[in-house]
Amino acid sequence: MDRTYVIGVAGGTASGKTTIVKIIKDYFGEGIELVGHDCYYKAHDSMPFEEREKLNYDHPASFDTERMVADVMALKSGKPIERPVYDYNIHNRARETVTVYPKRILMLEGILILDSEPLRNLMDLKIFVDTDADERLMRRITRDMAERGRSVESVLRQYRTTVKPMHEQFVEPSKKYADLIIPRGGRNNVAIAILKNYLKKILDGEETE
């Protein structure tokens, strides 16, 4: 297999990162693999559920980024990995893992992947999805209520105490490392079309440097 191109897609919570990645993955199919930073939340097996609920999941220290870096390096060298699985219902890492095989294009997605220099150094293209804060909050409320069984009050409390402060301290400053900034998230059809064209050239064997 030709060398693996690594594309990083970062941005604030509910900015549209996952939407863009899904559009790209659905468009190209088997030529692209996705690894999310959220899968690498640290395990807290000895901590009671009530305490795990209170953890700051938006701080860089909440992620096992070293393992993610090692896994990306393994995939780039042509080796499969056992990717961890995070269970939001129990706020802890699940026991099972998922086998991920090397592909021509590897997409990394997460709010803090551009904050990590070791991760950035593995990327060929760094993308930041930039969406208005009010829009992101509304999307997060809708998502967490529908997918994670959260109440509006709990989502807003978490947003005030950890999500917003961590965004301002870590996520937003990491935008300066991006090669491409996509405003309005998954609604930006022009930017997505440009990205598709870039990735098609890679999959067709054309050099992009």
N, C-alpha and C. Protein backbone atom coordinates (compact mmCIF):
# COMPACT_ATOMS: atom_id res chain seq x y z
N MET A 1 0.84 -1.20 0.00
CA MET A 1 0.00 0.00 0.00
C MET A 1 0.87 1.25 0.00
N ASP A 2 0.47 2.30 -0.76
CA ASP A 2 1.17 3.57 -0.73
C ASP A 2 1.06 4.18 0.66
N ARG A 3 1.87 5.18 0.90
CA ARG A 3 1.91 5.76 2.24
C ARG A 3 0.54 6.31 2.64
N THR A 4 0.29 6.30 3.93
CA THR A 4 -0.98 6.78 4.46
C THR A 4 -0.95 8.29 4.64
N TYR A 5 -1.95 8.97 4.11
CA TYR A 5 -2.13 10.40 4.35
C TYR A 5 -3.02 10.57 5.58
N VAL A 6 -2.59 11.42 6.49
CA VAL A 6 -3.34 11.66 7.72
C VAL A 6 -3.96 13.05 7.67
N ILE A 7 -5.29 13.09 7.80
CA ILE A 7 -6.04 14.34 7.76
C ILE A 7 -6.65 14.57 9.15
N GLY A 8 -6.32 15.68 9.78
CA GLY A 8 -6.88 16.01 11.08
C GLY A 8 -8.03 16.98 10.96
N VAL A 9 -9.16 16.68 11.61
CA VAL A 9 -10.34 17.56 11.58
C VAL A 9 -10.67 17.94 13.02
N ALA A 10 -10.38 19.20 13.37
CA ALA A 10 -10.62 19.69 14.73
C ALA A 10 -11.69 20.78 14.70
N GLY A 11 -12.00 21.31 15.89
CA GLY A 11 -13.01 22.36 16.02
C GLY A 11 -13.75 22.19 17.32
N GLY A 12 -14.53 23.17 17.68
CA GLY A 12 -15.26 23.14 18.94
C GLY A 12 -16.34 22.08 18.98
N THR A 13 -16.88 21.87 20.17
CA THR A 13 -17.95 20.91 20.35
C THR A 13 -19.13 21.25 19.44
N ALA A 14 -19.68 20.24 18.77
CA ALA A 14 -20.85 20.40 17.90
C ALA A 14 -20.63 21.42 16.79
N SER A 15 -19.39 21.55 16.34
CA SER A 15 -19.08 22.51 15.26
C SER A 15 -19.42 21.96 13.88
N GLY A 16 -19.59 20.65 13.78
CA GLY A 16 -19.85 20.03 12.49
C GLY A 16 -18.72 19.13 12.02
N LYS A 17 -17.75 18.88 12.90
CA LYS A 17 -16.63 18.01 12.55
C LYS A 17 -17.10 16.64 12.10
N THR A 18 -17.94 16.02 12.93
CA THR A 18 -18.40 14.66 12.63
C THR A 18 -19.23 14.63 11.35
N THR A 19 -20.02 15.67 11.12
CA THR A 19 -20.82 15.75 9.90
C THR A 19 -19.93 15.76 8.67
N ILE A 20 -18.89 16.58 8.70
CA ILE A 20 -17.97 16.66 7.57
C ILE A 20 -17.26 15.34 7.35
N VAL A 21 -16.77 14.74 8.43
CA VAL A 21 -16.07 13.47 8.32
C VAL A 21 -16.99 12.39 7.75
N LYS A 22 -18.25 12.38 8.20
CA LYS A 22 -19.20 11.38 7.71
C LYS A 22 -19.49 11.58 6.22
N ILE A 23 -19.63 12.83 5.81
CA ILE A 23 -19.86 13.12 4.38
C ILE A 23 -18.70 12.59 3.55
N ILE A 24 -17.49 12.85 4.01
CA ILE A 24 -16.30 12.40 3.28
C ILE A 24 -16.21 10.87 3.28
N LYS A 25 -16.46 10.26 4.44
CA LYS A 25 -16.37 8.81 4.55
C LYS A 25 -17.41 8.14 3.66
N ASP A 26 -18.63 8.65 3.67
CA ASP A 26 -19.70 8.08 2.84
C ASP A 26 -19.40 8.26 1.35
N TYR A 27 -18.76 9.35 1.01
CA TYR A 27 -18.49 9.65 -0.39
C TYR A 27 -17.42 8.71 -0.96
N PHE A 28 -16.37 8.47 -0.18
CA PHE A 28 -15.25 7.67 -0.69
C PHE A 28 -15.31 6.20 -0.29
N GLY A 29 -16.03 5.90 0.78
CA GLY A 29 -16.18 4.50 1.17
C GLY A 29 -14.93 3.89 1.77
N GLU A 30 -14.50 2.76 1.21
CA GLU A 30 -13.48 1.93 1.84
C GLU A 30 -12.07 2.50 1.81
N GLY A 31 -11.83 3.55 1.03
CA GLY A 31 -10.47 4.08 0.93
C GLY A 31 -10.06 4.93 2.12
N ILE A 32 -11.01 5.21 3.01
CA ILE A 32 -10.76 6.11 4.13
C ILE A 32 -11.10 5.42 5.45
N GLU A 33 -10.24 5.62 6.46
CA GLU A 33 -10.53 5.13 7.80
C GLU A 33 -10.59 6.33 8.74
N LEU A 34 -11.40 6.22 9.78
CA LEU A 34 -11.59 7.30 10.75
C LEU A 34 -11.20 6.82 12.14
N VAL A 35 -10.47 7.67 12.85
CA VAL A 35 -10.15 7.42 14.25
C VAL A 35 -10.48 8.69 15.03
N GLY A 36 -11.39 8.59 15.98
CA GLY A 36 -11.81 9.74 16.78
C GLY A 36 -11.04 9.84 18.09
N HIS A 37 -10.69 11.07 18.45
CA HIS A 37 -9.99 11.31 19.72
C HIS A 37 -10.84 10.88 20.91
N ASP A 38 -12.17 11.00 20.77
CA ASP A 38 -13.07 10.64 21.87
C ASP A 38 -12.94 9.18 22.28
N CYS A 39 -12.52 8.33 21.35
CA CYS A 39 -12.33 6.92 21.69
C CYS A 39 -11.21 6.73 22.70
N TYR A 40 -10.36 7.73 22.83
CA TYR A 40 -9.16 7.61 23.66
C TYR A 40 -9.29 8.33 25.01
N TYR A 41 -10.54 8.58 25.44
CA TYR A 41 -10.70 9.05 26.81
C TYR A 41 -10.08 8.02 27.76
N LYS A 42 -9.43 8.51 28.79
CA LYS A 42 -8.77 7.62 29.73
C LYS A 42 -9.78 6.76 30.50
N ALA A 43 -9.36 5.55 30.85
CA ALA A 43 -10.20 4.66 31.66
C ALA A 43 -10.12 5.09 33.13
N HIS A 44 -11.23 4.96 33.83
CA HIS A 44 -11.28 5.27 35.27
C HIS A 44 -12.03 4.14 35.97
N ASP A 45 -11.50 2.94 35.87
CA ASP A 45 -12.19 1.76 36.38
C ASP A 45 -12.39 1.78 37.89
N SER A 46 -11.47 2.40 38.61
CA SER A 46 -11.56 2.38 40.07
C SER A 46 -12.37 3.54 40.63
N MET A 47 -12.86 4.42 39.76
CA MET A 47 -13.59 5.61 40.20
C MET A 47 -15.10 5.35 40.15
N PRO A 48 -15.85 5.69 41.18
CA PRO A 48 -17.30 5.52 41.15
C PRO A 48 -17.94 6.33 40.03
N PHE A 49 -19.10 5.85 39.56
CA PHE A 49 -19.81 6.50 38.45
C PHE A 49 -20.08 7.97 38.77
N GLU A 50 -20.48 8.27 39.99
CA GLU A 50 -20.82 9.64 40.37
C GLU A 50 -19.62 10.56 40.21
N GLU A 51 -18.42 10.04 40.49
CA GLU A 51 -17.21 10.84 40.34
C GLU A 51 -16.81 10.98 38.87
N ARG A 52 -17.02 9.90 38.10
CA ARG A 52 -16.69 9.96 36.67
C ARG A 52 -17.55 11.00 35.96
N GLU A 53 -18.80 11.15 36.42
CA GLU A 53 -19.70 12.14 35.83
C GLU A 53 -19.16 13.56 35.96
N LYS A 54 -18.39 13.80 37.00
CA LYS A 54 -17.92 15.15 37.30
C LYS A 54 -16.59 15.50 36.64
N LEU A 55 -15.97 14.55 35.96
CA LEU A 55 -14.67 14.80 35.35
C LEU A 55 -14.76 15.84 34.23
N ASN A 56 -13.67 16.53 34.02
CA ASN A 56 -13.58 17.51 32.93
C ASN A 56 -13.14 16.78 31.66
N TYR A 57 -14.10 16.49 30.79
CA TYR A 57 -13.80 15.72 29.58
C TYR A 57 -13.34 16.60 28.42
N ASP A 58 -13.17 17.89 28.67
CA ASP A 58 -12.74 18.80 27.61
C ASP A 58 -11.31 19.31 27.82
N HIS A 59 -10.63 18.75 28.79
CA HIS A 59 -9.23 19.12 29.06
C HIS A 59 -8.31 18.11 28.38
N PRO A 60 -7.19 18.56 27.83
CA PRO A 60 -6.26 17.62 27.18
C PRO A 60 -5.86 16.44 28.05
N ALA A 61 -5.81 16.63 29.37
CA ALA A 61 -5.38 15.56 30.27
C ALA A 61 -6.39 14.42 30.36
N SER A 62 -7.62 14.63 29.87
CA SER A 62 -8.64 13.58 29.94
C SER A 62 -8.45 12.53 28.85
N PHE A 63 -7.56 12.80 27.89
CA PHE A 63 -7.35 11.88 26.78
C PHE A 63 -6.03 11.12 26.93
N ASP A 64 -6.04 9.88 26.48
CA ASP A 64 -4.80 9.09 26.37
C ASP A 64 -4.22 9.35 24.98
N THR A 65 -3.74 10.58 24.79
CA THR A 65 -3.26 10.99 23.47
C THR A 65 -1.99 10.25 23.09
N GLU A 66 -1.19 9.86 24.07
CA GLU A 66 0.03 9.09 23.76
C GLU A 66 -0.31 7.79 23.06
N ARG A 67 -1.36 7.12 23.52
CA ARG A 67 -1.77 5.87 22.86
C ARG A 67 -2.28 6.16 21.45
N MET A 68 -3.03 7.26 21.29
CA MET A 68 -3.52 7.59 19.96
C MET A 68 -2.36 7.87 19.00
N VAL A 69 -1.35 8.59 19.48
CA VAL A 69 -0.17 8.86 18.65
C VAL A 69 0.49 7.56 18.24
N ALA A 70 0.65 6.64 19.20
CA ALA A 70 1.27 5.35 18.90
C ALA A 70 0.44 4.57 17.88
N ASP A 71 -0.88 4.63 18.02
CA ASP A 71 -1.76 3.91 17.09
C ASP A 71 -1.69 4.51 15.69
N VAL A 72 -1.66 5.83 15.60
CA VAL A 72 -1.56 6.47 14.28
C VAL A 72 -0.23 6.12 13.62
N MET A 73 0.84 6.11 14.40
CA MET A 73 2.15 5.74 13.87
C MET A 73 2.14 4.30 13.36
N ALA A 74 1.45 3.43 14.10
CA ALA A 74 1.36 2.03 13.66
C ALA A 74 0.60 1.92 12.35
N LEU A 75 -0.53 2.64 12.23
CA LEU A 75 -1.31 2.61 11.00
C LEU A 75 -0.51 3.17 9.83
N LYS A 76 0.26 4.22 10.08
CA LYS A 76 1.09 4.80 9.03
C LYS A 76 2.18 3.83 8.56
N SER A 77 2.58 2.94 9.47
CA SER A 77 3.61 1.96 9.11
C SER A 77 3.02 0.68 8.55
N GLY A 78 1.68 0.66 8.37
CA GLY A 78 1.03 -0.48 7.73
C GLY A 78 0.55 -1.56 8.68
N LYS A 79 0.50 -1.27 9.98
CA LYS A 79 0.08 -2.25 10.97
C LYS A 79 -1.33 -1.95 11.49
N PRO A 80 -2.16 -2.98 11.68
CA PRO A 80 -3.49 -2.75 12.28
C PRO A 80 -3.37 -2.42 13.76
N ILE A 81 -4.40 -1.81 14.31
CA ILE A 81 -4.41 -1.47 15.73
C ILE A 81 -5.70 -1.98 16.37
N GLU A 82 -5.70 -2.02 17.69
CA GLU A 82 -6.91 -2.29 18.46
C GLU A 82 -7.34 -0.97 19.10
N ARG A 83 -8.29 -0.32 18.46
CA ARG A 83 -8.74 0.98 18.94
C ARG A 83 -9.66 0.84 20.15
N PRO A 84 -9.43 1.63 21.19
CA PRO A 84 -10.33 1.56 22.35
C PRO A 84 -11.72 2.07 22.02
N VAL A 85 -12.68 1.72 22.88
CA VAL A 85 -14.07 2.16 22.73
C VAL A 85 -14.48 2.87 24.01
N TYR A 86 -15.09 4.03 23.88
CA TYR A 86 -15.55 4.76 25.06
C TYR A 86 -17.06 4.69 25.14
N ASP A 87 -17.57 4.37 26.32
CA ASP A 87 -19.01 4.24 26.55
C ASP A 87 -19.51 5.46 27.33
N TYR A 88 -20.26 6.33 26.65
CA TYR A 88 -20.75 7.56 27.29
C TYR A 88 -21.80 7.27 28.37
N ASN A 89 -22.44 6.14 28.28
CA ASN A 89 -23.48 5.81 29.27
C ASN A 89 -22.89 5.54 30.65
N ILE A 90 -21.67 5.02 30.68
CA ILE A 90 -21.03 4.72 31.96
C ILE A 90 -19.86 5.65 32.25
N HIS A 91 -19.61 6.59 31.32
CA HIS A 91 -18.48 7.52 31.46
C HIS A 91 -17.18 6.78 31.72
N ASN A 92 -16.93 5.77 30.90
CA ASN A 92 -15.70 4.98 31.09
C ASN A 92 -15.39 4.23 29.80
N ARG A 93 -14.16 3.78 29.71
CA ARG A 93 -13.76 3.01 28.55
C ARG A 93 -14.37 1.61 28.63
N ALA A 94 -14.89 1.15 27.50
CA ALA A 94 -15.48 -0.19 27.45
C ALA A 94 -14.37 -1.25 27.42
N ARG A 95 -14.77 -2.49 27.67
CA ARG A 95 -13.78 -3.58 27.68
C ARG A 95 -13.37 -4.00 26.28
N GLU A 96 -14.31 -3.88 25.32
CA GLU A 96 -14.00 -4.33 23.96
C GLU A 96 -13.17 -3.29 23.22
N THR A 97 -12.52 -3.72 22.16
CA THR A 97 -11.79 -2.84 21.26
C THR A 97 -12.26 -3.10 19.83
N VAL A 98 -11.86 -2.23 18.91
CA VAL A 98 -12.22 -2.38 17.51
C VAL A 98 -10.92 -2.46 16.69
N THR A 99 -10.82 -3.48 15.85
CA THR A 99 -9.64 -3.61 15.00
C THR A 99 -9.74 -2.63 13.83
N VAL A 100 -8.72 -1.82 13.67
CA VAL A 100 -8.67 -0.83 12.59
C VAL A 100 -7.47 -1.16 11.71
N TYR A 101 -7.72 -1.21 10.40
CA TYR A 101 -6.67 -1.58 9.45
C TYR A 101 -6.18 -0.33 8.71
N PRO A 102 -4.93 -0.35 8.27
CA PRO A 102 -4.39 0.80 7.53
C PRO A 102 -5.17 1.04 6.24
N LYS A 103 -5.35 2.31 5.91
CA LYS A 103 -5.99 2.71 4.66
C LYS A 103 -5.14 3.81 4.02
N ARG A 104 -5.46 4.12 2.79
CA ARG A 104 -4.72 5.16 2.07
C ARG A 104 -4.86 6.51 2.76
N ILE A 105 -6.07 6.80 3.27
CA ILE A 105 -6.32 8.04 3.99
C ILE A 105 -6.84 7.73 5.38
N LEU A 106 -6.23 8.34 6.38
CA LEU A 106 -6.66 8.19 7.77
C LEU A 106 -7.12 9.56 8.25
N MET A 107 -8.39 9.65 8.66
CA MET A 107 -8.94 10.90 9.19
C MET A 107 -8.99 10.82 10.72
N LEU A 108 -8.43 11.84 11.35
CA LEU A 108 -8.48 11.97 12.80
C LEU A 108 -9.46 13.09 13.13
N GLU A 109 -10.29 12.87 14.14
CA GLU A 109 -11.32 13.86 14.46
C GLU A 109 -11.41 14.06 15.96
N GLY A 110 -11.53 15.34 16.38
CA GLY A 110 -11.67 15.63 17.80
C GLY A 110 -11.44 17.09 18.10
N ILE A 111 -11.94 17.54 19.24
CA ILE A 111 -11.85 18.96 19.57
C ILE A 111 -10.42 19.40 19.82
N LEU A 112 -9.57 18.49 20.30
CA LEU A 112 -8.23 18.89 20.76
C LEU A 112 -7.08 18.28 19.97
N ILE A 113 -7.36 17.71 18.81
CA ILE A 113 -6.27 17.03 18.10
C ILE A 113 -5.22 18.01 17.57
N LEU A 114 -5.58 19.27 17.33
CA LEU A 114 -4.58 20.24 16.90
C LEU A 114 -3.83 20.86 18.08
N ASP A 115 -4.32 20.63 19.28
CA ASP A 115 -3.63 21.12 20.48
C ASP A 115 -2.40 20.27 20.78
N SER A 116 -2.38 19.03 20.30
CA SER A 116 -1.29 18.10 20.58
C SER A 116 -0.22 18.18 19.48
N GLU A 117 0.96 18.63 19.84
CA GLU A 117 2.04 18.73 18.85
C GLU A 117 2.43 17.37 18.27
N PRO A 118 2.54 16.31 19.09
CA PRO A 118 2.86 15.00 18.50
C PRO A 118 1.83 14.53 17.49
N LEU A 119 0.54 14.80 17.74
CA LEU A 119 -0.49 14.44 16.77
C LEU A 119 -0.39 15.30 15.52
N ARG A 120 -0.19 16.60 15.72
CA ARG A 120 -0.07 17.51 14.57
C ARG A 120 1.06 17.08 13.65
N ASN A 121 2.15 16.63 14.24
CA ASN A 121 3.32 16.26 13.44
C ASN A 121 3.07 15.04 12.56
N LEU A 122 1.99 14.30 12.84
CA LEU A 122 1.66 13.12 12.04
C LEU A 122 0.68 13.45 10.91
N MET A 123 0.20 14.69 10.88
CA MET A 123 -0.85 15.06 9.91
C MET A 123 -0.27 15.68 8.65
N ASP A 124 -0.86 15.31 7.52
CA ASP A 124 -0.52 15.92 6.24
C ASP A 124 -1.39 17.14 5.95
N LEU A 125 -2.60 17.14 6.49
CA LEU A 125 -3.52 18.27 6.33
C LEU A 125 -4.26 18.48 7.64
N LYS A 126 -4.24 19.72 8.12
CA LYS A 126 -4.89 20.05 9.39
C LYS A 126 -6.06 20.99 9.11
N ILE A 127 -7.26 20.56 9.54
CA ILE A 127 -8.49 21.30 9.28
C ILE A 127 -9.11 21.74 10.61
N PHE A 128 -9.63 22.96 10.64
CA PHE A 128 -10.37 23.45 11.80
C PHE A 128 -11.75 23.85 11.33
N VAL A 129 -12.78 23.26 11.93
CA VAL A 129 -14.17 23.57 11.60
C VAL A 129 -14.64 24.67 12.55
N ASP A 130 -14.95 25.84 12.00
CA ASP A 130 -15.21 27.04 12.79
C ASP A 130 -16.68 27.41 12.70
N THR A 131 -17.40 27.26 13.80
CA THR A 131 -18.84 27.52 13.82
C THR A 131 -19.18 28.42 15.01
N ASP A 132 -20.15 29.30 14.83
CA ASP A 132 -20.58 30.25 15.85
C ASP A 132 -20.89 29.53 17.17
N ALA A 133 -20.48 30.14 18.27
CA ALA A 133 -20.63 29.51 19.59
C ALA A 133 -22.08 29.23 19.95
N ASP A 134 -22.99 30.16 19.67
CA ASP A 134 -24.40 29.94 19.98
C ASP A 134 -24.96 28.76 19.20
N GLU A 135 -24.57 28.66 17.94
CA GLU A 135 -25.01 27.54 17.12
C GLU A 135 -24.48 26.22 17.66
N ARG A 136 -23.23 26.22 18.10
CA ARG A 136 -22.64 25.00 18.64
C ARG A 136 -23.35 24.57 19.93
N LEU A 137 -23.69 25.54 20.77
CA LEU A 137 -24.39 25.21 22.02
C LEU A 137 -25.76 24.60 21.73
N MET A 138 -26.50 25.19 20.80
CA MET A 138 -27.83 24.65 20.46
C MET A 138 -27.71 23.22 19.91
N ARG A 139 -26.72 23.00 19.07
CA ARG A 139 -26.51 21.67 18.53
C ARG A 139 -26.14 20.68 19.63
N ARG A 140 -25.31 21.13 20.58
CA ARG A 140 -24.89 20.23 21.65
C ARG A 140 -26.06 19.84 22.54
N ILE A 141 -26.92 20.79 22.86
CA ILE A 141 -28.10 20.49 23.67
C ILE A 141 -28.95 19.44 22.97
N THR A 142 -29.22 19.67 21.68
CA THR A 142 -30.04 18.74 20.91
C THR A 142 -29.41 17.36 20.85
N ARG A 143 -28.10 17.30 20.58
CA ARG A 143 -27.40 16.02 20.46
C ARG A 143 -27.37 15.26 21.79
N ASP A 144 -26.97 15.94 22.86
CA ASP A 144 -26.81 15.24 24.14
C ASP A 144 -28.14 14.78 24.71
N MET A 145 -29.22 15.51 24.44
CA MET A 145 -30.53 15.07 24.90
C MET A 145 -30.99 13.85 24.11
N ALA A 146 -30.77 13.86 22.81
CA ALA A 146 -31.26 12.78 21.95
C ALA A 146 -30.39 11.53 22.03
N GLU A 147 -29.07 11.70 22.06
CA GLU A 147 -28.17 10.55 21.95
C GLU A 147 -27.62 10.06 23.29
N ARG A 148 -27.60 10.94 24.30
CA ARG A 148 -26.95 10.57 25.55
C ARG A 148 -27.87 10.69 26.75
N GLY A 149 -29.16 10.96 26.50
CA GLY A 149 -30.14 10.99 27.58
C GLY A 149 -29.93 12.08 28.61
N ARG A 150 -29.33 13.19 28.20
CA ARG A 150 -29.03 14.28 29.12
C ARG A 150 -30.20 15.24 29.23
N SER A 151 -30.28 15.97 30.33
CA SER A 151 -31.27 17.03 30.48
C SER A 151 -30.66 18.35 30.01
N VAL A 152 -31.52 19.32 29.70
CA VAL A 152 -31.03 20.63 29.29
C VAL A 152 -30.16 21.23 30.39
N GLU A 153 -30.61 21.09 31.64
CA GLU A 153 -29.88 21.67 32.76
C GLU A 153 -28.47 21.09 32.87
N SER A 154 -28.34 19.78 32.70
CA SER A 154 -27.01 19.16 32.84
C SER A 154 -26.09 19.56 31.70
N VAL A 155 -26.65 19.70 30.50
CA VAL A 155 -25.83 20.12 29.35
C VAL A 155 -25.33 21.55 29.55
N LEU A 156 -26.22 22.44 29.99
CA LEU A 156 -25.83 23.82 30.21
C LEU A 156 -24.83 23.95 31.35
N ARG A 157 -25.01 23.17 32.40
CA ARG A 157 -24.07 23.21 33.53
C ARG A 157 -22.68 22.79 33.08
N GLN A 158 -22.61 21.69 32.31
CA GLN A 158 -21.32 21.24 31.81
C GLN A 158 -20.70 22.26 30.86
N TYR A 159 -21.54 22.87 30.03
CA TYR A 159 -21.04 23.86 29.08
C TYR A 159 -20.41 25.05 29.81
N ARG A 160 -21.08 25.52 30.86
CA ARG A 160 -20.57 26.68 31.61
C ARG A 160 -19.29 26.36 32.36
N THR A 161 -19.25 25.17 32.97
CA THR A 161 -18.15 24.87 33.88
C THR A 161 -16.90 24.32 33.19
N THR A 162 -17.07 23.58 32.10
CA THR A 162 -15.90 22.97 31.46
C THR A 162 -15.80 23.22 29.96
N VAL A 163 -16.90 23.03 29.23
CA VAL A 163 -16.83 23.09 27.76
C VAL A 163 -16.38 24.46 27.28
N LYS A 164 -17.04 25.50 27.71
CA LYS A 164 -16.71 26.86 27.25
C LYS A 164 -15.31 27.29 27.71
N PRO A 165 -14.98 27.13 29.01
CA PRO A 165 -13.62 27.52 29.42
C PRO A 165 -12.52 26.76 28.70
N MET A 166 -12.71 25.46 28.48
CA MET A 166 -11.69 24.66 27.80
C MET A 166 -11.60 25.02 26.32
N HIS A 167 -12.74 25.38 25.74
CA HIS A 167 -12.72 25.82 24.33
C HIS A 167 -11.86 27.08 24.21
N GLU A 168 -12.07 28.02 25.12
CA GLU A 168 -11.34 29.28 25.05
C GLU A 168 -9.86 29.09 25.37
N GLN A 169 -9.55 28.14 26.26
CA GLN A 169 -8.16 27.94 26.67
C GLN A 169 -7.36 27.07 25.70
N PHE A 170 -8.00 26.04 25.13
CA PHE A 170 -7.26 25.07 24.33
C PHE A 170 -7.72 24.94 22.87
N VAL A 171 -9.03 24.86 22.67
CA VAL A 171 -9.54 24.54 21.32
C VAL A 171 -9.35 25.71 20.37
N GLU A 172 -9.89 26.86 20.74
CA GLU A 172 -9.81 28.04 19.86
C GLU A 172 -8.36 28.42 19.52
N PRO A 173 -7.44 28.43 20.49
CA PRO A 173 -6.05 28.76 20.14
C PRO A 173 -5.41 27.78 19.16
N SER A 174 -5.89 26.55 19.13
CA SER A 174 -5.28 25.56 18.23
C SER A 174 -5.63 25.82 16.77
N LYS A 175 -6.58 26.73 16.52
CA LYS A 175 -6.98 27.06 15.15
C LYS A 175 -5.80 27.59 14.35
N LYS A 176 -4.84 28.20 15.03
CA LYS A 176 -3.71 28.80 14.31
C LYS A 176 -2.84 27.76 13.62
N TYR A 177 -2.98 26.49 14.00
CA TYR A 177 -2.19 25.44 13.37
C TYR A 177 -2.86 24.88 12.11
N ALA A 178 -4.09 25.29 11.83
CA ALA A 178 -4.84 24.69 10.72
C ALA A 178 -4.31 25.15 9.37
N ASP A 179 -4.31 24.23 8.42
CA ASP A 179 -4.01 24.57 7.02
C ASP A 179 -5.26 25.05 6.31
N LEU A 180 -6.41 24.57 6.77
CA LEU A 180 -7.69 24.89 6.15
C LEU A 180 -8.73 25.12 7.24
N ILE A 181 -9.41 26.27 7.18
CA ILE A 181 -10.48 26.57 8.13
C ILE A 181 -11.80 26.52 7.39
N ILE A 182 -12.74 25.73 7.91
CA ILE A 182 -14.05 25.57 7.28
C ILE A 182 -15.12 26.23 8.15
N PRO A 183 -15.60 27.41 7.76
CA PRO A 183 -16.69 28.04 8.52
C PRO A 183 -18.01 27.31 8.28
N ARG A 184 -18.90 27.38 9.27
CA ARG A 184 -20.29 26.88 9.17
C ARG A 184 -20.39 25.36 9.11
N GLY A 185 -19.31 24.66 9.34
CA GLY A 185 -19.37 23.20 9.46
C GLY A 185 -19.89 22.49 8.23
N GLY A 186 -20.78 21.51 8.46
CA GLY A 186 -21.28 20.66 7.40
C GLY A 186 -22.16 21.37 6.39
N ARG A 187 -22.50 22.63 6.65
CA ARG A 187 -23.32 23.40 5.72
C ARG A 187 -22.49 24.08 4.63
N ASN A 188 -21.16 24.02 4.78
CA ASN A 188 -20.28 24.69 3.83
C ASN A 188 -19.98 23.75 2.67
N ASN A 189 -20.89 23.70 1.71
CA ASN A 189 -20.76 22.76 0.59
C ASN A 189 -19.55 23.04 -0.29
N VAL A 190 -19.18 24.31 -0.41
CA VAL A 190 -18.04 24.66 -1.26
C VAL A 190 -16.75 24.11 -0.66
N ALA A 191 -16.55 24.32 0.64
CA ALA A 191 -15.34 23.83 1.30
C ALA A 191 -15.29 22.30 1.26
N ILE A 192 -16.42 21.66 1.45
CA ILE A 192 -16.47 20.19 1.42
C ILE A 192 -16.13 19.68 0.02
N ALA A 193 -16.60 20.37 -1.01
CA ALA A 193 -16.29 19.98 -2.38
C ALA A 193 -14.79 20.11 -2.65
N ILE A 194 -14.17 21.17 -2.13
CA ILE A 194 -12.72 21.35 -2.29
C ILE A 194 -11.97 20.22 -1.60
N LEU A 195 -12.43 19.86 -0.39
CA LEU A 195 -11.79 18.78 0.36
C LEU A 195 -11.94 17.45 -0.37
N LYS A 196 -13.12 17.19 -0.91
CA LYS A 196 -13.33 15.96 -1.69
C LYS A 196 -12.36 15.88 -2.86
N ASN A 197 -12.19 17.00 -3.55
CA ASN A 197 -11.29 17.02 -4.71
C ASN A 197 -9.85 16.74 -4.30
N TYR A 198 -9.44 17.32 -3.17
CA TYR A 198 -8.09 17.10 -2.64
C TYR A 198 -7.88 15.61 -2.32
N LEU A 199 -8.84 15.02 -1.64
CA LEU A 199 -8.71 13.62 -1.23
C LEU A 199 -8.81 12.68 -2.43
N LYS A 200 -9.60 13.05 -3.43
CA LYS A 200 -9.71 12.21 -4.63
C LYS A 200 -8.36 12.11 -5.33
N LYS A 201 -7.63 13.21 -5.38
CA LYS A 201 -6.30 13.18 -5.99
C LYS A 201 -5.37 12.22 -5.24
N ILE A 202 -5.48 12.21 -3.92
CA ILE A 202 -4.66 11.29 -3.13
C ILE A 202 -5.04 9.85 -3.44
N LEU A 203 -6.33 9.56 -3.44
CA LEU A 203 -6.78 8.19 -3.70
C LEU A 203 -6.48 7.74 -5.13
N ASP A 204 -6.40 8.71 -6.03
CA ASP A 204 -6.08 8.37 -7.42
C ASP A 204 -4.58 8.25 -7.65
N GLY A 205 -3.81 8.47 -6.58
CA GLY A 205 -2.36 8.31 -6.71
C GLY A 205 -1.62 9.55 -7.14
N GLU A 206 -2.30 10.70 -7.14
CA GLU A 206 -1.63 11.94 -7.54
C GLU A 206 -0.98 12.59 -6.31
N GLU A 207 0.19 13.14 -6.50
CA GLU A 207 0.87 13.81 -5.42
C GLU A 207 0.21 15.17 -5.18
N THR A 208 0.09 15.55 -3.92
CA THR A 208 -0.56 16.81 -3.59
C THR A 208 0.41 17.84 -3.01
N GLU A 209 1.64 17.44 -2.76
CA GLU A 209 2.59 18.39 -2.17
C GLU A 209 3.00 19.42 -3.22
